[in-house]
Amino acid sequence: MKIKVQMSMVLNLDKCIGCHTCSIPCKNVWTTRKGAEYMWFNNVETKPGIGYPREWENQSKHKGGWVMDGGELRLKGGGRLQKVARVFHNPDLPVIDDYYEPWDYDYASLITAPHKNHQPSIRPKSQVTGEPMQIKWGPNWDDDLAGVCETGARDVNFSGLDHAIYLSFKQVFMFYLPRLCEHCLNPACVASCPSGAMYKRDEDGIVLVDQERCRGWRYCVSGCPYKKVYFNWKTHRSEKCIFCYPRLEAGLTTLCAHSCVGRIRYVGVVLYDADRIHEAASAKTDKEVYPAHLDLFLDPSDPETIAAAANQGIPEHVMAAARRSPIYTLAKTWQLALPLHPEFRTLPMVWYIPPLSPVEALAGNEDIRTAVDNLRIPVKYLANLLTAGDEEPVRLALKRLAAVRAYMRSVRVEKKPDDTIAASVGLDSATLLKMYDLLAIAKLEDRFVVPTATHLENNPLHTIKGCAGFPDYR
């Protein structure tokens, strides 16, 4: 057993209000350079929709991630020979129009415009060419279902559903999906990079780009199924979310998590068995990847794990943080959080609690299990998004979220705690109270458990110049 530490995040989609407050500090701090105008390391999409870049989930088009081929795990985009053959032309790359051509306005002309009888106006100007342009797409074009009547049919999560029914006025549904780099355990971007510029930090699993080694071949861009690696058209280097590692090393959480007004984000470390990564990613069927992924996580309170971690040099303060981390509790103990598109087989480490959309039945006495299947958001859609189409893990998470609501109603409104509610979802009432505390009223120190970095001066990974696109950031 080879124990590794992974910095991870859980996002509670049941609470996301789509305000995009998480995206703004990330954009202002990390992507203000020339050539990075179109990059959003963190963005918030509306589902249903085709997202940013367009149709990023459609791997029949983009060929990202991994697939099982003849019992062997391989990159969907091909191995070394295929990459060498296409080194000057990669047809799987998204083009700038799939993201959007960034634009700006000459605001000064409004101030300096001469006196006129009418209000002066300004035209959008491309930040790539500097020429006037017509806006045809943007990073948030699907926001609040805008245009979903045109694009919704291309949302791959409608697989097995009649999209026309769920896009009709009376049946339409929506929820928000904040996205950032998944910092996967089996990252396809790292495996796709011919120069070795993409790497996974040994101490916390954060995936970064060494700017001095990057040669701009962009196989990392096409290899990432989440399309969270970007190409800087000015520097000809790849850039991506760095999980705000300078902040983490100081014991602070990421900017997106710190600024979230809905308090939907949880950040912490988990322990996993690195020797079993290939086994988990090579699960026979797509539906088996999620349970195999979950089995990789190690209980930080288990005496055997504690002893093995000590023998392998994992600091005690990191182990203490792992025991306090909300990630293991939400993902493994309570099984509320689920991975995004596990069928990509990258073993992502940014997980999501599915949204429990409004349902009138929950206000009454209807059985929780029946109410979950009456939600406005189809369970099948959520399963296609989070569990490779397996509805049971999604249904279990939704039942437990509904149980928390129903139980707290019995406590606060009816003044008669109903302990049968917890039993119906395989838990006890004390656990439902703990769920309520963490999901609804948890303080910052409970949501963000980030151990400070160790041995900074002796760790060469902290002094790589140009790491992740930020020169001499030490």
Protein backbone atom coordinates (compact mmCIF):
# COMPACT_ATOMS: atom_id res chain seq x y z
CA MET A 1 0.00 0.00 0.00
CA LYS A 2 1.48 3.31 -1.12
CA ILE A 3 -0.28 6.13 0.71
CA LYS A 4 -0.54 9.49 -1.04
CA VAL A 5 -2.11 12.78 -0.02
CA GLN A 6 -4.54 14.49 -2.38
CA MET A 7 -5.91 18.01 -2.09
CA SER A 8 -9.58 17.79 -2.98
CA MET A 9 -12.80 19.77 -3.16
CA VAL A 10 -16.51 19.04 -2.81
CA LEU A 11 -19.17 21.39 -4.18
CA ASN A 12 -22.76 21.24 -2.95
CA LEU A 13 -24.89 21.85 -6.04
CA ASP A 14 -27.95 21.92 -3.81
CA LYS A 15 -26.86 25.39 -2.64
CA CYS A 16 -25.19 26.96 -5.71
CA ILE A 17 -27.06 30.12 -6.76
CA GLY A 18 -25.07 30.76 -9.94
CA CYS A 19 -23.74 34.15 -8.85
CA HIS A 20 -20.29 33.55 -10.43
CA THR A 21 -18.60 35.17 -7.44
CA CYS A 22 -16.16 32.25 -7.41
CA SER A 23 -15.05 32.97 -10.99
CA ILE A 24 -14.20 36.65 -10.54
CA PRO A 25 -11.33 36.47 -8.00
CA CYS A 26 -9.87 33.52 -9.90
CA LYS A 27 -9.96 35.49 -13.14
CA ASN A 28 -8.56 38.66 -11.58
CA VAL A 29 -5.64 36.90 -9.89
CA TRP A 30 -4.59 34.12 -12.25
CA THR A 31 -5.55 35.00 -15.85
CA THR A 32 -4.81 38.67 -16.40
CA ARG A 33 -1.92 38.12 -18.81
CA LYS A 34 -1.95 38.72 -22.54
CA GLY A 35 -3.12 35.56 -24.27
CA ALA A 36 -5.19 34.44 -21.27
CA GLU A 37 -8.20 36.66 -21.89
CA TYR A 38 -10.45 33.76 -22.85
CA MET A 39 -9.37 31.52 -19.97
CA TRP A 40 -11.61 30.87 -16.99
CA PHE A 41 -9.88 28.46 -14.62
CA ASN A 42 -13.16 28.47 -12.69
CA ASN A 43 -16.45 28.94 -14.50
CA VAL A 44 -20.08 28.29 -13.63
CA GLU A 45 -22.27 26.59 -16.20
CA THR A 46 -26.02 26.17 -16.35
CA LYS A 47 -27.31 22.66 -16.84
CA PRO A 48 -28.79 21.58 -19.15
CA GLY A 49 -26.48 23.17 -21.69
CA ILE A 50 -23.34 22.49 -23.69
CA GLY A 51 -21.02 24.48 -21.44
CA TYR A 52 -17.62 26.07 -21.88
CA PRO A 53 -15.99 25.23 -24.21
CA ARG A 54 -18.91 24.10 -26.31
CA GLU A 55 -19.73 20.40 -25.92
CA TRP A 56 -16.73 19.72 -23.67
CA GLU A 57 -18.47 16.57 -22.41
CA ASN A 58 -18.76 15.03 -25.88
CA GLN A 59 -15.66 12.83 -26.09
CA SER A 60 -16.72 11.36 -29.41
CA LYS A 61 -15.87 14.84 -30.67
CA HIS A 62 -12.95 15.86 -28.42
CA LYS A 63 -11.49 12.41 -27.66
CA GLY A 64 -10.30 13.24 -24.17
CA GLY A 65 -9.74 10.98 -21.19
CA TRP A 66 -9.19 7.21 -21.15
CA VAL A 67 -11.01 4.21 -22.59
CA MET A 68 -10.77 0.46 -22.18
CA ASP A 69 -9.56 -1.15 -25.41
CA GLY A 70 -9.22 -4.91 -25.52
CA GLY A 71 -8.97 -5.05 -21.74
CA GLU A 72 -6.24 -2.41 -21.67
CA LEU A 73 -6.47 1.19 -20.50
CA ARG A 74 -5.40 3.67 -23.16
CA LEU A 75 -5.79 7.33 -23.99
CA LYS A 76 -8.86 7.96 -26.12
CA GLY A 77 -6.84 10.38 -28.25
CA GLY A 78 -4.21 7.77 -29.06
CA GLY A 79 -0.73 6.88 -27.90
CA ARG A 80 2.72 8.17 -28.82
CA LEU A 81 2.67 7.03 -32.44
CA GLN A 82 -0.62 8.77 -33.13
CA LYS A 83 0.64 11.94 -31.46
CA VAL A 84 3.86 11.97 -33.46
CA ALA A 85 1.87 11.53 -36.67
CA ARG A 86 -0.29 14.54 -35.77
CA VAL A 87 2.32 16.75 -34.14
CA PHE A 88 1.60 19.57 -36.61
CA HIS A 89 -2.15 19.03 -36.76
CA ASN A 90 -4.34 17.92 -33.90
CA PRO A 91 -7.94 17.65 -35.14
CA ASP A 92 -9.28 16.99 -31.63
CA LEU A 93 -8.42 20.45 -30.31
CA PRO A 94 -11.23 22.88 -29.52
CA VAL A 95 -10.86 26.11 -31.49
CA ILE A 96 -11.17 29.62 -30.09
CA ASP A 97 -14.81 29.84 -31.19
CA ASP A 98 -15.62 26.81 -29.03
CA TYR A 99 -14.53 28.88 -26.05
CA TYR A 100 -15.25 32.39 -27.34
CA GLU A 101 -13.25 35.16 -28.96
CA PRO A 102 -12.55 37.54 -26.07
CA TRP A 103 -13.54 41.15 -26.56
CA ASP A 104 -13.33 44.51 -24.89
CA TYR A 105 -14.66 48.03 -25.43
CA ASP A 106 -12.91 51.35 -25.90
CA TYR A 107 -14.51 52.96 -22.89
CA ALA A 108 -12.34 56.05 -23.18
CA SER A 109 -14.17 57.01 -26.37
CA LEU A 110 -17.34 57.50 -24.33
CA ILE A 111 -15.60 60.13 -22.24
CA THR A 112 -13.76 61.85 -25.08
CA ALA A 113 -16.65 61.78 -27.57
CA PRO A 114 -17.65 65.27 -28.84
CA HIS A 115 -21.03 66.79 -28.03
CA LYS A 116 -23.82 64.98 -29.89
CA ASN A 117 -27.58 64.92 -29.96
CA HIS A 118 -27.53 61.19 -29.21
CA GLN A 119 -25.79 58.96 -26.69
CA PRO A 120 -22.43 57.76 -28.09
CA SER A 121 -21.94 54.02 -28.47
CA ILE A 122 -18.92 51.78 -28.81
CA ARG A 123 -18.42 48.55 -30.71
CA PRO A 124 -16.88 45.40 -29.25
CA LYS A 125 -13.23 44.94 -30.17
CA SER A 126 -11.45 41.59 -30.32
CA GLN A 127 -8.70 41.15 -27.74
CA VAL A 128 -7.00 38.73 -30.12
CA THR A 129 -6.92 40.73 -33.37
CA GLY A 130 -7.69 44.20 -32.06
CA GLU A 131 -10.33 44.58 -34.78
CA PRO A 132 -14.06 45.29 -34.36
CA MET A 133 -16.04 42.07 -34.10
CA GLN A 134 -19.53 40.69 -33.82
CA ILE A 135 -20.16 38.76 -30.61
CA LYS A 136 -21.47 35.27 -31.39
CA TRP A 137 -20.63 33.28 -28.25
CA GLY A 138 -19.34 33.85 -24.75
CA PRO A 139 -18.04 31.98 -21.71
CA ASN A 140 -21.49 31.96 -20.17
CA TRP A 141 -23.76 31.79 -23.19
CA ASP A 142 -26.02 29.09 -21.70
CA ASP A 143 -26.50 30.99 -18.44
CA ASP A 144 -29.98 30.54 -16.95
CA LEU A 145 -30.99 28.40 -19.95
CA ALA A 146 -30.35 31.19 -22.46
CA GLY A 147 -30.51 29.58 -25.90
CA VAL A 148 -30.97 26.09 -24.45
CA CYS A 149 -33.84 25.53 -26.88
CA GLU A 150 -31.17 25.57 -29.60
CA THR A 151 -28.21 23.94 -27.82
CA GLY A 152 -29.90 21.62 -25.31
CA ALA A 153 -30.24 18.73 -27.75
CA ARG A 154 -26.43 18.49 -27.82
CA ASP A 155 -26.16 18.03 -24.05
CA VAL A 156 -24.80 14.48 -23.72
CA ASN A 157 -26.36 14.09 -20.27
CA PHE A 158 -29.75 13.65 -21.93
CA SER A 159 -28.62 10.16 -22.99
CA GLY A 160 -31.51 7.78 -22.33
CA LEU A 161 -33.93 10.71 -21.96
CA ASP A 162 -36.15 12.53 -24.42
CA HIS A 163 -34.56 15.98 -24.34
CA ALA A 164 -37.54 17.54 -26.10
CA ILE A 165 -39.76 16.72 -23.12
CA TYR A 166 -37.40 18.18 -20.56
CA LEU A 167 -36.75 21.31 -22.58
CA SER A 168 -40.45 22.10 -22.92
CA PHE A 169 -41.78 25.01 -20.89
CA LYS A 170 -43.66 22.96 -18.31
CA GLN A 171 -40.95 20.33 -17.82
CA VAL A 172 -37.77 22.38 -18.10
CA PHE A 173 -35.30 22.26 -15.22
CA MET A 174 -31.97 23.87 -14.43
CA PHE A 175 -29.15 23.92 -11.92
CA TYR A 176 -25.67 25.40 -11.80
CA LEU A 177 -22.41 23.49 -12.24
CA PRO A 178 -19.23 25.30 -11.12
CA ARG A 179 -16.17 23.76 -12.78
CA LEU A 180 -12.42 23.86 -12.25
CA CYS A 181 -9.52 21.51 -12.91
CA GLU A 182 -10.26 18.12 -11.37
CA HIS A 183 -6.62 17.46 -10.32
CA CYS A 184 -7.23 13.83 -11.18
CA LEU A 185 -5.51 10.79 -9.70
CA ASN A 186 -5.06 9.42 -13.23
CA PRO A 187 -4.75 12.65 -15.25
CA ALA A 188 -5.01 12.21 -19.01
CA CYS A 189 -3.39 15.61 -19.53
CA VAL A 190 -0.19 14.46 -17.80
CA ALA A 191 -0.15 11.20 -19.77
CA SER A 192 -0.73 13.10 -23.03
CA CYS A 193 2.16 15.57 -22.60
CA PRO A 194 5.16 14.50 -24.76
CA SER A 195 7.58 16.91 -23.07
CA GLY A 196 6.82 15.99 -19.46
CA ALA A 197 5.84 19.57 -18.66
CA MET A 198 2.58 18.45 -17.04
CA TYR A 199 3.14 16.86 -13.65
CA LYS A 200 1.32 15.96 -10.46
CA ARG A 201 2.84 17.34 -7.27
CA ASP A 202 3.98 14.56 -5.01
CA GLU A 203 3.06 16.26 -1.75
CA ASP A 204 -0.59 17.12 -2.46
CA GLY A 205 -1.53 15.82 -5.91
CA ILE A 206 -2.08 19.23 -7.52
CA VAL A 207 -1.55 19.05 -11.31
CA LEU A 208 0.66 21.83 -12.71
CA VAL A 209 2.48 22.89 -15.88
CA ASP A 210 6.22 23.61 -15.90
CA GLN A 211 6.36 26.59 -18.26
CA GLU A 212 10.05 26.10 -19.03
CA ARG A 213 9.47 22.56 -20.31
CA CYS A 214 6.20 23.20 -22.15
CA ARG A 215 6.62 23.16 -25.93
CA GLY A 216 3.09 24.19 -26.84
CA TRP A 217 2.09 20.94 -28.51
CA ARG A 218 -1.33 21.17 -26.83
CA TYR A 219 -1.89 17.45 -26.43
CA CYS A 220 -2.71 18.21 -22.81
CA VAL A 221 -5.58 20.39 -24.02
CA SER A 222 -7.10 17.68 -26.19
CA GLY A 223 -6.26 14.95 -23.65
CA CYS A 224 -8.14 16.61 -20.78
CA PRO A 225 -11.79 15.49 -21.05
CA TYR A 226 -12.91 18.39 -18.84
CA LYS A 227 -11.15 20.93 -21.09
CA LYS A 228 -9.54 22.68 -18.14
CA VAL A 229 -6.11 23.06 -19.72
CA TYR A 230 -5.79 26.15 -21.90
CA PHE A 231 -3.33 27.31 -24.55
CA ASN A 232 -1.94 30.81 -24.19
CA TRP A 233 -1.88 32.12 -27.75
CA LYS A 234 0.67 34.78 -26.81
CA THR A 235 3.29 32.73 -24.93
CA HIS A 236 2.53 29.46 -26.78
CA ARG A 237 2.40 27.60 -23.47
CA SER A 238 -0.34 25.68 -21.67
CA GLU A 239 -1.89 27.03 -18.50
CA LYS A 240 -4.44 25.72 -16.04
CA CYS A 241 -5.95 25.97 -12.56
CA ILE A 242 -3.23 25.65 -9.93
CA PHE A 243 -5.65 25.08 -7.02
CA CYS A 244 -4.23 28.30 -5.55
CA TYR A 245 -1.27 26.33 -4.21
CA PRO A 246 0.58 29.42 -2.86
CA ARG A 247 -2.43 29.97 -0.60
CA LEU A 248 -2.72 26.31 0.35
CA GLU A 249 0.91 26.18 1.41
CA ALA A 250 0.08 28.92 3.91
CA GLY A 251 -2.95 27.01 5.20
CA LEU A 252 -5.48 29.13 3.29
CA THR A 253 -8.20 27.83 1.01
CA THR A 254 -8.57 28.52 -2.71
CA LEU A 255 -9.88 31.87 -3.93
CA CYS A 256 -12.99 30.31 -5.46
CA ALA A 257 -13.87 28.57 -2.20
CA HIS A 258 -13.06 31.57 -0.01
CA SER A 259 -15.23 33.94 -2.06
CA CYS A 260 -18.25 31.63 -2.45
CA VAL A 261 -21.24 33.47 -1.00
CA GLY A 262 -23.36 30.31 -0.99
CA ARG A 263 -20.78 28.45 1.11
CA ILE A 264 -21.10 25.45 -1.20
CA ARG A 265 -17.41 24.49 -1.27
CA TYR A 266 -15.45 22.20 1.00
CA VAL A 267 -11.67 21.85 0.72
CA GLY A 268 -9.40 19.33 2.39
CA VAL A 269 -7.01 16.43 1.93
CA VAL A 270 -7.80 12.76 1.48
CA LEU A 271 -5.52 9.75 1.63
CA TYR A 272 -5.53 7.17 -1.12
CA ASP A 273 -3.68 4.03 -2.17
CA ALA A 274 -1.58 4.97 -5.20
CA ASP A 275 -0.81 1.31 -5.95
CA ARG A 276 -4.43 0.72 -6.95
CA ILE A 277 -4.95 3.66 -9.33
CA HIS A 278 -4.50 1.60 -12.50
CA GLU A 279 -6.83 -1.07 -11.15
CA ALA A 280 -9.56 1.48 -10.39
CA ALA A 281 -9.21 3.28 -13.72
CA SER A 282 -9.33 -0.06 -15.55
CA ALA A 283 -12.69 -1.14 -14.15
CA LYS A 284 -14.50 -3.37 -16.63
CA THR A 285 -17.51 -1.09 -17.14
CA ASP A 286 -17.97 2.65 -16.83
CA LYS A 287 -20.44 2.19 -13.97
CA GLU A 288 -17.82 0.28 -11.97
CA VAL A 289 -15.31 3.15 -12.06
CA TYR A 290 -17.02 5.21 -9.33
CA PRO A 291 -17.14 2.43 -6.67
CA ALA A 292 -13.56 1.46 -7.56
CA HIS A 293 -12.53 5.10 -7.22
CA LEU A 294 -14.26 5.31 -3.85
CA ASP A 295 -12.40 2.22 -2.64
CA LEU A 296 -9.09 4.01 -3.22
CA PHE A 297 -9.79 6.36 -0.31
CA LEU A 298 -8.19 5.35 2.97
CA ASP A 299 -9.72 5.96 6.38
CA PRO A 300 -7.38 8.43 8.14
CA SER A 301 -8.62 7.18 11.53
CA ASP A 302 -7.80 3.54 10.81
CA PRO A 303 -4.82 2.38 12.95
CA GLU A 304 -3.32 0.43 10.03
CA THR A 305 -3.49 3.50 7.78
CA ILE A 306 -2.02 5.72 10.50
CA ALA A 307 0.91 3.34 11.05
CA ALA A 308 1.59 2.97 7.31
CA ALA A 309 1.41 6.73 6.79
CA ALA A 310 3.93 7.30 9.59
CA ASN A 311 6.30 4.74 8.05
CA GLN A 312 6.00 6.46 4.67
CA GLY A 313 6.84 9.89 6.07
CA ILE A 314 3.46 11.61 5.97
CA PRO A 315 3.59 14.37 8.63
CA GLU A 316 1.31 14.10 11.63
CA HIS A 317 -0.27 17.52 11.03
CA VAL A 318 -1.31 16.33 7.56
CA MET A 319 -2.84 13.20 9.08
CA ALA A 320 -4.67 15.34 11.61
CA ALA A 321 -6.01 17.49 8.77
CA ALA A 322 -7.12 14.36 6.91
CA ARG A 323 -9.06 13.20 9.97
CA ARG A 324 -10.82 16.58 10.20
CA SER A 325 -11.30 16.92 6.45
CA PRO A 326 -14.92 17.13 5.27
CA ILE A 327 -14.03 15.46 1.97
CA TYR A 328 -13.76 11.88 3.24
CA THR A 329 -16.94 12.32 5.27
CA LEU A 330 -18.99 13.69 2.36
CA ALA A 331 -17.67 11.31 -0.28
CA LYS A 332 -17.01 8.04 1.55
CA THR A 333 -18.75 8.00 4.92
CA TRP A 334 -22.05 9.61 3.92
CA GLN A 335 -21.75 8.99 0.15
CA LEU A 336 -23.29 12.35 -0.67
CA ALA A 337 -20.57 13.62 -3.03
CA LEU A 338 -20.03 12.06 -6.45
CA PRO A 339 -17.34 12.47 -9.16
CA LEU A 340 -17.93 14.34 -12.41
CA HIS A 341 -18.10 11.97 -15.38
CA PRO A 342 -16.22 8.98 -13.91
CA GLU A 343 -16.50 7.29 -17.30
CA PHE A 344 -13.58 9.46 -18.43
CA ARG A 345 -11.48 7.24 -16.12
CA THR A 346 -9.22 10.06 -14.96
CA LEU A 347 -10.38 9.59 -11.33
CA PRO A 348 -11.26 13.25 -10.70
CA MET A 349 -10.87 14.77 -7.24
CA VAL A 350 -13.39 17.62 -7.40
CA TRP A 351 -16.68 15.99 -6.41
CA TYR A 352 -20.29 17.19 -6.37
CA ILE A 353 -23.30 16.79 -4.10
CA PRO A 354 -26.27 16.47 -6.50
CA PRO A 355 -28.98 19.15 -6.35
CA LEU A 356 -32.21 18.26 -4.56
CA SER A 357 -34.52 20.38 -6.66
CA PRO A 358 -37.77 21.76 -5.20
CA VAL A 359 -40.56 19.24 -4.88
CA GLU A 360 -43.89 19.95 -3.25
CA ALA A 361 -44.24 16.42 -1.95
CA LEU A 362 -41.37 16.88 0.49
CA ALA A 363 -43.41 19.45 2.40
CA GLY A 364 -46.01 16.83 3.20
CA ASN A 365 -45.90 13.28 4.46
CA GLU A 366 -45.03 11.45 1.26
CA ASP A 367 -42.35 8.79 1.59
CA ILE A 368 -38.88 10.17 0.91
CA ARG A 369 -38.03 7.43 -1.57
CA THR A 370 -41.06 8.28 -3.69
CA ALA A 371 -40.42 12.01 -3.46
CA VAL A 372 -36.87 11.66 -4.81
CA ASP A 373 -38.18 10.10 -8.00
CA ASN A 374 -40.63 12.99 -8.36
CA LEU A 375 -37.95 15.66 -8.44
CA ARG A 376 -38.00 18.16 -11.26
CA ILE A 377 -34.40 17.31 -12.20
CA PRO A 378 -34.41 13.76 -13.62
CA VAL A 379 -32.34 11.29 -11.63
CA LYS A 380 -31.17 9.83 -14.93
CA TYR A 381 -29.73 13.18 -16.00
CA LEU A 382 -27.79 13.50 -12.74
CA ALA A 383 -26.60 9.91 -13.08
CA ASN A 384 -25.28 10.59 -16.58
CA LEU A 385 -23.42 13.59 -15.16
CA LEU A 386 -22.02 12.08 -11.97
CA THR A 387 -22.05 8.27 -11.98
CA ALA A 388 -21.75 7.12 -15.60
CA GLY A 389 -25.49 6.47 -15.77
CA ASP A 390 -25.79 4.44 -12.54
CA GLU A 391 -28.86 5.89 -10.83
CA GLU A 392 -28.56 4.15 -7.45
CA PRO A 393 -25.68 6.23 -5.97
CA VAL A 394 -27.46 9.41 -7.06
CA ARG A 395 -30.75 8.22 -5.64
CA LEU A 396 -29.06 7.35 -2.32
CA ALA A 397 -27.46 10.80 -2.07
CA LEU A 398 -30.77 12.52 -2.88
CA LYS A 399 -32.66 10.39 -0.36
CA ARG A 400 -30.22 11.35 2.36
CA LEU A 401 -30.39 15.04 1.46
CA ALA A 402 -34.18 14.81 1.53
CA ALA A 403 -34.01 13.00 4.85
CA VAL A 404 -32.05 15.87 6.38
CA ARG A 405 -34.74 18.32 5.24
CA ALA A 406 -37.58 16.15 6.45
CA TYR A 407 -35.94 15.40 9.79
CA MET A 408 -35.09 19.04 10.51
CA ARG A 409 -38.69 19.94 9.67
CA SER A 410 -39.89 17.43 12.24
CA VAL A 411 -37.49 18.97 14.78
CA ARG A 412 -38.00 22.67 14.09
CA VAL A 413 -41.55 22.93 12.76
CA GLU A 414 -43.48 19.98 14.10
CA LYS A 415 -41.47 19.84 17.36
CA LYS A 416 -41.61 16.04 17.20
CA PRO A 417 -38.33 14.51 15.99
CA ASP A 418 -39.10 11.60 13.68
CA ASP A 419 -36.33 9.03 14.08
CA THR A 420 -37.87 6.75 11.44
CA ILE A 421 -36.71 9.18 8.75
CA ALA A 422 -33.04 8.44 9.40
CA ALA A 423 -33.66 4.71 9.50
CA SER A 424 -35.29 4.85 6.05
CA VAL A 425 -31.95 5.95 4.52
CA GLY A 426 -29.71 3.67 6.56
CA LEU A 427 -28.57 6.29 9.08
CA ASP A 428 -29.41 7.47 12.58
CA SER A 429 -30.77 10.81 13.71
CA ALA A 430 -27.43 11.91 15.16
CA THR A 431 -25.87 11.52 11.71
CA LEU A 432 -28.63 13.58 10.11
CA LEU A 433 -27.90 16.35 12.60
CA LYS A 434 -24.21 16.20 11.70
CA MET A 435 -25.14 16.41 8.01
CA TYR A 436 -27.24 19.46 8.72
CA ASP A 437 -24.40 21.09 10.64
CA LEU A 438 -21.86 20.54 7.84
CA LEU A 439 -24.13 21.27 4.90
CA ALA A 440 -26.10 24.19 6.31
CA ILE A 441 -24.36 26.04 9.12
CA ALA A 442 -20.71 24.89 9.15
CA LYS A 443 -18.11 27.52 9.95
CA LEU A 444 -15.12 28.28 7.75
CA GLU A 445 -12.74 26.11 9.80
CA ASP A 446 -15.09 23.14 9.32
CA ARG A 447 -15.44 23.59 5.57
CA PHE A 448 -11.78 24.30 4.84
CA VAL A 449 -9.22 22.03 6.49
CA VAL A 450 -5.93 22.82 4.77
CA PRO A 451 -2.60 21.71 6.29
CA THR A 452 0.33 24.06 5.80
CA ALA A 453 3.20 22.99 3.55
CA THR A 454 6.14 21.11 5.03
CA HIS A 455 9.85 21.28 4.25
CA LEU A 456 9.41 24.13 1.78
CA GLU A 457 13.11 24.92 1.60
CA ASN A 458 14.07 21.33 0.80
CA ASN A 459 11.32 20.59 -1.69
CA PRO A 460 12.41 21.38 -5.29
CA LEU A 461 8.82 21.40 -6.54
CA HIS A 462 8.27 24.69 -4.71
CA THR A 463 11.10 26.46 -6.55
CA ILE A 464 10.48 25.54 -10.18
CA LYS A 465 10.65 28.78 -12.14
CA GLY A 466 7.67 29.56 -14.31
CA CYS A 467 5.59 26.84 -12.69
CA ALA A 468 2.01 26.83 -13.99
CA GLY A 469 2.48 30.02 -15.95
CA PHE A 470 3.53 32.35 -13.16
CA PRO A 471 7.25 33.18 -13.53
CA ASP A 472 9.40 33.02 -10.43
CA TYR A 473 6.42 32.42 -8.14
CA ARG A 474 8.07 30.86 -5.09
